[in-house]
Amino acid sequence: MSQVKVSRRFQRLCDQFARILGGEHEIDPGPVCFVSRARNFNATILGRRTTSPLVRYQLFSFESLDSSGRALCLGETAVFQNQANRLIRNLQRNGITVTALHNHWLKESPRLMYIHWESIDNPIAFARKTKASIAFLG
């Protein structure tokens, strides 16, 4: 974990956020609670197998926590092209705004799409909504 001075409340909130999402966390200056979670799937880029974190990792964060307990909450993941619509629907049904759907790579197989989302929410509520939305990805 980074050597960032944060309140115990923020630390506990970040710990719980990471537990819900099933990932590793760190607190960056700001403070920003940053969580990464590795996915296991087979993919190739330019005909070569990839296990790069740039492909496999799901990323989540919260920051700018206000006095009412709401924060800027963000998420990102790669999905197979045939999973994109389902994830977008799941997030939207949970009141989360989908902000981007795009590719990162050329000549990858299977086709990968990256989805980004955002919400001003209680971080724990956001983590639970996100977890429910991405559960089908495994």
Foldseek 3Di string as FASTA:
>chain_A
DDPEDDDPVVVVLLVLLCVLLVFDWDFDPLGKIKTKDFDDDWKDAPPHTDRDCVAGIKIKMWHPQDPVQWTKIKIKHKDQPVCVVQLCVLCVVLVKAWDDWAADGPRMPPGIIMTMIIDGGRSNSVSNSNCVSCVVVD
